[in-house]
Amino acid sequence: MNDPAPPSRLDLLRFLERVQVRDLARTRHWIAEEERKKRERQTGEAARPAPPDWLLEYGLNRDAPPNAVHVGGCHMAGKRWKGVDSDTVRRALAGGVPACTHCRPDTELGILD
């Protein structure tokens, strides 16, 4: 039988080199993808509009009146809110819509009970 000769040490090292070059190329691709995602996030954050100064928070029912008033950017505001101006906030507070106890929009506007 004619068995092929085992690979030489040089053949094995060349094989290892090819594997490592492919691994390096894959790693560089992953790095490039992460850098692209980071740039996209930064671009998105820079393009994001500033939060409104005042928020009216609404409940689940579309037709229901607002259930809370918040300072813009309040972490306690739910997902259903609308940005409004200070006059609208004053009217809402005067009409009985409760002020958020965390951001205190009534205090921010100088409205005392």
N, C-alpha and C. Protein backbone atom coordinates (compact mmCIF):
# COMPACT_ATOMS: atom_id res chain seq x y z
N MET A 1 0.82 -1.18 0.00
CA MET A 1 0.00 0.00 0.00
C MET A 1 0.87 1.24 0.00
N ASN A 2 0.35 2.21 -0.70
CA ASN A 2 1.06 3.48 -0.77
C ASN A 2 0.35 4.50 0.10
N ASP A 3 0.71 4.55 1.34
CA ASP A 3 0.14 5.56 2.24
C ASP A 3 0.83 6.88 1.99
N PRO A 4 0.02 7.96 1.94
CA PRO A 4 0.67 9.25 1.76
C PRO A 4 1.55 9.58 2.97
N ALA A 5 2.54 10.34 2.71
CA ALA A 5 3.46 10.74 3.78
C ALA A 5 2.73 11.69 4.73
N PRO A 6 3.01 11.60 6.02
CA PRO A 6 2.37 12.54 6.95
C PRO A 6 2.81 13.97 6.64
N PRO A 7 1.94 14.93 6.96
CA PRO A 7 2.31 16.32 6.68
C PRO A 7 3.56 16.72 7.46
N SER A 8 4.35 17.52 6.83
CA SER A 8 5.57 17.98 7.49
C SER A 8 5.21 19.07 8.51
N ARG A 9 6.15 19.36 9.35
CA ARG A 9 5.95 20.44 10.34
C ARG A 9 5.66 21.76 9.61
N LEU A 10 6.32 22.01 8.52
CA LEU A 10 6.10 23.24 7.75
C LEU A 10 4.67 23.27 7.20
N ASP A 11 4.19 22.13 6.69
CA ASP A 11 2.80 22.07 6.20
C ASP A 11 1.81 22.39 7.32
N LEU A 12 2.07 21.84 8.49
CA LEU A 12 1.18 22.09 9.63
C LEU A 12 1.21 23.57 10.04
N LEU A 13 2.38 24.16 10.04
CA LEU A 13 2.49 25.58 10.41
C LEU A 13 1.79 26.47 9.39
N ARG A 14 1.90 26.12 8.11
CA ARG A 14 1.19 26.91 7.07
C ARG A 14 -0.33 26.78 7.24
N PHE A 15 -0.79 25.57 7.59
CA PHE A 15 -2.22 25.39 7.85
C PHE A 15 -2.66 26.26 9.03
N LEU A 16 -1.88 26.23 10.10
CA LEU A 16 -2.20 27.04 11.27
C LEU A 16 -2.24 28.52 10.91
N GLU A 17 -1.31 28.95 10.09
CA GLU A 17 -1.29 30.35 9.65
C GLU A 17 -2.58 30.71 8.91
N ARG A 18 -3.03 29.84 7.99
CA ARG A 18 -4.28 30.11 7.25
C ARG A 18 -5.47 30.22 8.20
N VAL A 19 -5.53 29.35 9.18
CA VAL A 19 -6.62 29.39 10.16
C VAL A 19 -6.57 30.70 10.94
N GLN A 20 -5.40 31.09 11.38
CA GLN A 20 -5.27 32.31 12.17
C GLN A 20 -5.58 33.56 11.34
N VAL A 21 -5.20 33.58 10.07
CA VAL A 21 -5.51 34.71 9.19
C VAL A 21 -7.02 34.84 9.04
N ARG A 22 -7.71 33.71 8.84
CA ARG A 22 -9.19 33.75 8.75
C ARG A 22 -9.81 34.23 10.06
N ASP A 23 -9.28 33.75 11.19
CA ASP A 23 -9.81 34.19 12.49
C ASP A 23 -9.58 35.69 12.68
N LEU A 24 -8.41 36.18 12.30
CA LEU A 24 -8.12 37.60 12.42
C LEU A 24 -9.06 38.42 11.53
N ALA A 25 -9.30 37.96 10.31
CA ALA A 25 -10.23 38.67 9.41
C ALA A 25 -11.63 38.71 10.00
N ARG A 26 -12.07 37.59 10.58
CA ARG A 26 -13.40 37.55 11.20
C ARG A 26 -13.46 38.50 12.39
N THR A 27 -12.43 38.52 13.22
CA THR A 27 -12.39 39.41 14.37
C THR A 27 -12.40 40.87 13.93
N ARG A 28 -11.65 41.19 12.89
CA ARG A 28 -11.64 42.57 12.37
C ARG A 28 -13.01 42.95 11.82
N HIS A 29 -13.70 42.01 11.22
CA HIS A 29 -15.07 42.27 10.73
C HIS A 29 -15.99 42.57 11.91
N TRP A 30 -15.90 41.78 12.98
CA TRP A 30 -16.72 42.03 14.16
C TRP A 30 -16.42 43.40 14.76
N ILE A 31 -15.17 43.78 14.83
CA ILE A 31 -14.78 45.09 15.36
C ILE A 31 -15.38 46.20 14.49
N ALA A 32 -15.28 46.05 13.17
CA ALA A 32 -15.84 47.06 12.26
C ALA A 32 -17.34 47.18 12.45
N GLU A 33 -18.03 46.07 12.64
CA GLU A 33 -19.48 46.10 12.86
C GLU A 33 -19.82 46.83 14.16
N GLU A 34 -19.09 46.55 15.22
CA GLU A 34 -19.34 47.22 16.50
C GLU A 34 -19.06 48.71 16.40
N GLU A 35 -18.02 49.10 15.69
CA GLU A 35 -17.72 50.52 15.50
C GLU A 35 -18.82 51.21 14.70
N ARG A 36 -19.35 50.52 13.69
CA ARG A 36 -20.46 51.07 12.89
C ARG A 36 -21.71 51.26 13.76
N LYS A 37 -22.02 50.25 14.59
CA LYS A 37 -23.19 50.35 15.47
C LYS A 37 -23.01 51.50 16.47
N LYS A 38 -21.80 51.66 16.98
CA LYS A 38 -21.53 52.74 17.93
C LYS A 38 -21.73 54.10 17.26
N ARG A 39 -21.24 54.25 16.02
CA ARG A 39 -21.43 55.51 15.29
C ARG A 39 -22.92 55.78 15.05
N GLU A 40 -23.67 54.75 14.69
CA GLU A 40 -25.11 54.91 14.47
C GLU A 40 -25.81 55.35 15.74
N ARG A 41 -25.46 54.74 16.88
CA ARG A 41 -26.06 55.15 18.16
C ARG A 41 -25.75 56.60 18.48
N GLN A 42 -24.48 57.00 18.28
CA GLN A 42 -24.09 58.37 18.57
C GLN A 42 -24.80 59.35 17.65
N THR A 43 -24.94 58.99 16.37
CA THR A 43 -25.65 59.85 15.43
C THR A 43 -27.11 59.97 15.83
N GLY A 44 -27.72 58.86 16.22
CA GLY A 44 -29.12 58.88 16.66
C GLY A 44 -29.33 59.71 17.90
N GLU A 45 -28.41 59.59 18.86
CA GLU A 45 -28.53 60.37 20.09
C GLU A 45 -28.36 61.86 19.81
N ALA A 46 -27.45 62.20 18.91
CA ALA A 46 -27.23 63.61 18.58
C ALA A 46 -28.43 64.20 17.84
N ALA A 47 -29.12 63.38 17.06
CA ALA A 47 -30.26 63.86 16.27
C ALA A 47 -31.57 63.85 17.07
N ARG A 48 -31.56 63.23 18.23
CA ARG A 48 -32.77 63.14 19.04
C ARG A 48 -33.19 64.53 19.51
N PRO A 49 -34.45 64.87 19.32
CA PRO A 49 -34.88 66.19 19.77
C PRO A 49 -34.87 66.28 21.30
N ALA A 50 -34.74 67.48 21.79
CA ALA A 50 -34.76 67.70 23.25
C ALA A 50 -36.15 67.37 23.78
N PRO A 51 -36.23 66.87 25.01
CA PRO A 51 -37.55 66.58 25.57
C PRO A 51 -38.34 67.87 25.76
N PRO A 52 -39.66 67.78 25.69
CA PRO A 52 -40.47 68.98 25.91
C PRO A 52 -40.31 69.46 27.35
N ASP A 53 -40.62 70.72 27.59
CA ASP A 53 -40.48 71.28 28.93
C ASP A 53 -41.52 70.72 29.90
N TRP A 54 -42.72 70.42 29.38
CA TRP A 54 -43.82 69.97 30.23
C TRP A 54 -44.54 68.81 29.58
N LEU A 55 -45.06 67.90 30.40
CA LEU A 55 -45.76 66.72 29.88
C LEU A 55 -47.12 66.57 30.56
N LEU A 56 -48.11 66.17 29.77
CA LEU A 56 -49.38 65.71 30.31
C LEU A 56 -49.41 64.21 30.07
N GLU A 57 -49.60 63.45 31.13
CA GLU A 57 -49.64 62.00 31.03
C GLU A 57 -51.09 61.54 30.95
N TYR A 58 -51.33 60.59 30.05
CA TYR A 58 -52.67 60.06 29.85
C TYR A 58 -52.70 58.58 30.22
N GLY A 59 -53.90 58.09 30.53
CA GLY A 59 -54.09 56.68 30.85
C GLY A 59 -54.30 55.85 29.60
N LEU A 60 -54.86 54.66 29.78
CA LEU A 60 -55.07 53.74 28.67
C LEU A 60 -56.17 54.19 27.72
N ASN A 61 -57.19 54.84 28.24
CA ASN A 61 -58.31 55.28 27.42
C ASN A 61 -57.92 56.53 26.65
N ARG A 62 -58.04 56.48 25.33
CA ARG A 62 -57.65 57.61 24.49
C ARG A 62 -58.42 58.88 24.79
N ASP A 63 -59.68 58.72 25.15
CA ASP A 63 -60.55 59.88 25.35
C ASP A 63 -60.54 60.40 26.77
N ALA A 64 -59.80 59.76 27.65
CA ALA A 64 -59.77 60.18 29.06
C ALA A 64 -58.95 61.45 29.22
N PRO A 65 -59.29 62.25 30.22
CA PRO A 65 -58.48 63.45 30.49
C PRO A 65 -57.10 63.05 31.03
N PRO A 66 -56.16 63.98 31.05
CA PRO A 66 -54.83 63.65 31.58
C PRO A 66 -54.91 63.24 33.05
N ASN A 67 -54.01 62.34 33.45
CA ASN A 67 -54.04 61.89 34.85
C ASN A 67 -52.83 62.37 35.65
N ALA A 68 -51.89 63.09 35.01
CA ALA A 68 -50.74 63.64 35.75
C ALA A 68 -50.03 64.69 34.90
N VAL A 69 -49.38 65.60 35.60
CA VAL A 69 -48.56 66.64 34.96
C VAL A 69 -47.11 66.39 35.39
N HIS A 70 -46.19 66.48 34.43
CA HIS A 70 -44.77 66.23 34.72
C HIS A 70 -43.90 67.33 34.12
N VAL A 71 -42.73 67.52 34.70
CA VAL A 71 -41.69 68.31 34.06
C VAL A 71 -41.11 67.43 32.95
N GLY A 72 -40.75 68.03 31.82
CA GLY A 72 -40.20 67.25 30.71
C GLY A 72 -38.99 66.44 31.14
N GLY A 73 -38.94 65.19 30.69
CA GLY A 73 -37.83 64.32 31.04
C GLY A 73 -37.99 63.61 32.37
N CYS A 74 -39.13 63.76 33.03
CA CYS A 74 -39.35 63.09 34.33
C CYS A 74 -39.32 61.58 34.12
N HIS A 75 -38.58 60.90 34.97
CA HIS A 75 -38.46 59.44 34.85
C HIS A 75 -39.73 58.71 35.25
N MET A 76 -40.65 59.40 35.89
CA MET A 76 -41.89 58.76 36.33
C MET A 76 -43.01 58.88 35.29
N ALA A 77 -42.80 59.66 34.25
CA ALA A 77 -43.83 59.78 33.21
C ALA A 77 -43.96 58.44 32.50
N GLY A 78 -45.19 58.02 32.27
CA GLY A 78 -45.43 56.76 31.58
C GLY A 78 -45.15 56.89 30.09
N LYS A 79 -45.66 55.92 29.34
CA LYS A 79 -45.42 55.91 27.90
C LYS A 79 -46.42 56.77 27.14
N ARG A 80 -47.54 57.09 27.75
CA ARG A 80 -48.59 57.84 27.06
C ARG A 80 -48.59 59.28 27.56
N TRP A 81 -47.84 60.12 26.92
CA TRP A 81 -47.79 61.53 27.32
C TRP A 81 -47.74 62.41 26.09
N LYS A 82 -47.99 63.68 26.33
CA LYS A 82 -47.97 64.68 25.26
C LYS A 82 -47.21 65.89 25.78
N GLY A 83 -46.29 66.41 24.97
CA GLY A 83 -45.56 67.62 25.33
C GLY A 83 -46.46 68.84 25.17
N VAL A 84 -46.46 69.71 26.17
CA VAL A 84 -47.32 70.90 26.14
C VAL A 84 -46.55 72.11 26.64
N ASP A 85 -47.16 73.29 26.49
CA ASP A 85 -46.53 74.52 26.97
C ASP A 85 -46.92 74.80 28.42
N SER A 86 -46.30 75.79 29.01
CA SER A 86 -46.52 76.08 30.43
C SER A 86 -47.95 76.57 30.71
N ASP A 87 -48.58 77.28 29.78
CA ASP A 87 -49.95 77.72 30.00
C ASP A 87 -50.90 76.53 30.09
N THR A 88 -50.70 75.55 29.24
CA THR A 88 -51.54 74.35 29.28
C THR A 88 -51.34 73.61 30.59
N VAL A 89 -50.11 73.56 31.07
CA VAL A 89 -49.82 72.90 32.35
C VAL A 89 -50.50 73.64 33.49
N ARG A 90 -50.43 74.96 33.48
CA ARG A 90 -51.09 75.75 34.54
C ARG A 90 -52.60 75.49 34.55
N ARG A 91 -53.21 75.48 33.36
CA ARG A 91 -54.66 75.22 33.28
C ARG A 91 -54.98 73.81 33.78
N ALA A 92 -54.15 72.84 33.42
CA ALA A 92 -54.39 71.46 33.87
C ALA A 92 -54.28 71.35 35.39
N LEU A 93 -53.26 71.98 35.97
CA LEU A 93 -53.11 71.95 37.42
C LEU A 93 -54.27 72.65 38.11
N ALA A 94 -54.69 73.78 37.55
CA ALA A 94 -55.83 74.51 38.12
C ALA A 94 -57.12 73.71 37.97
N GLY A 95 -57.20 72.88 36.93
CA GLY A 95 -58.38 72.05 36.69
C GLY A 95 -58.40 70.76 37.47
N GLY A 96 -57.40 70.53 38.31
CA GLY A 96 -57.42 69.37 39.18
C GLY A 96 -56.55 68.20 38.75
N VAL A 97 -55.81 68.34 37.67
CA VAL A 97 -54.91 67.25 37.27
C VAL A 97 -53.75 67.24 38.28
N PRO A 98 -53.48 66.09 38.89
CA PRO A 98 -52.43 66.06 39.92
C PRO A 98 -51.03 66.25 39.35
N ALA A 99 -50.20 66.90 40.14
CA ALA A 99 -48.79 67.10 39.78
C ALA A 99 -48.00 65.88 40.22
N CYS A 100 -47.03 65.51 39.45
CA CYS A 100 -46.14 64.39 39.80
C CYS A 100 -45.43 64.73 41.11
N THR A 101 -45.40 63.76 42.02
CA THR A 101 -44.75 64.01 43.32
C THR A 101 -43.23 63.87 43.24
N HIS A 102 -42.72 63.41 42.10
CA HIS A 102 -41.27 63.27 41.96
C HIS A 102 -40.63 64.51 41.34
N CYS A 103 -41.21 64.99 40.25
CA CYS A 103 -40.60 66.13 39.55
C CYS A 103 -41.21 67.47 39.96
N ARG A 104 -42.35 67.46 40.63
CA ARG A 104 -43.02 68.65 41.18
C ARG A 104 -43.14 69.80 40.17
N PRO A 105 -43.92 69.63 39.10
CA PRO A 105 -44.08 70.71 38.13
C PRO A 105 -44.78 71.93 38.71
N ASP A 106 -45.65 71.71 39.72
CA ASP A 106 -46.31 72.85 40.36
C ASP A 106 -45.31 73.76 41.07
N THR A 107 -44.34 73.16 41.75
CA THR A 107 -43.31 73.94 42.41
C THR A 107 -42.42 74.62 41.39
N GLU A 108 -42.11 73.92 40.31
CA GLU A 108 -41.27 74.47 39.24
C GLU A 108 -41.93 75.71 38.63
N LEU A 109 -43.27 75.69 38.53
CA LEU A 109 -43.99 76.83 37.97
C LEU A 109 -44.32 77.89 39.02
N GLY A 110 -44.04 77.62 40.26
CA GLY A 110 -44.32 78.59 41.32
C GLY A 110 -45.78 78.61 41.74
N ILE A 111 -46.49 77.51 41.50
CA ILE A 111 -47.90 77.41 41.88
C ILE A 111 -47.96 76.80 43.27
N LEU A 112 -48.57 77.52 44.18
CA LEU A 112 -48.70 77.04 45.56
C LEU A 112 -50.14 76.64 45.83
N ASP A 113 -50.33 75.56 46.59
CA ASP A 113 -51.69 75.12 46.92
C ASP A 113 -52.30 75.98 47.99
